[in-house]
């Protein structure tokens, strides 16, 4: 379970950055 949580902790910030990039681009 901890491994999954760690993966999510590393993945979500990347998604947030991509969303910010897409928002700025628009």
Protein backbone atom coordinates (compact mmCIF):
# COMPACT_ATOMS: atom_id res chain seq x y z
CA UNK A 1 0.00 0.00 0.00
CA UNK A 2 2.81 2.39 0.88
CA UNK A 3 4.35 1.90 -2.55
CA UNK A 4 1.07 2.91 -4.19
CA UNK A 5 0.83 6.00 -2.00
CA UNK A 6 4.40 6.96 -2.88
CA UNK A 7 3.67 6.56 -6.60
CA UNK A 8 0.56 8.73 -6.27
CA UNK A 9 2.56 11.35 -4.34
CA UNK A 10 5.06 11.57 -7.21
CA UNK A 11 2.46 11.34 -9.98
CA UNK A 12 -0.14 13.90 -8.85
CA UNK A 13 2.30 16.87 -8.81
CA UNK A 14 3.30 16.01 -12.39
CA UNK A 15 -0.35 16.03 -13.43
CA UNK A 16 -0.90 19.36 -11.67
CA UNK A 17 2.07 20.88 -13.53
CA UNK A 18 0.73 19.65 -16.87
CA UNK A 19 -2.68 21.15 -16.08
CA UNK A 20 -1.06 24.49 -15.23
CA UNK A 21 0.91 24.41 -18.49
CA UNK A 22 -2.25 23.69 -20.48
CA UNK A 23 -4.10 26.48 -18.68
CA UNK A 24 -1.33 29.00 -19.36
CA UNK A 25 -1.04 27.92 -22.99
CA UNK A 26 -4.73 28.56 -23.44
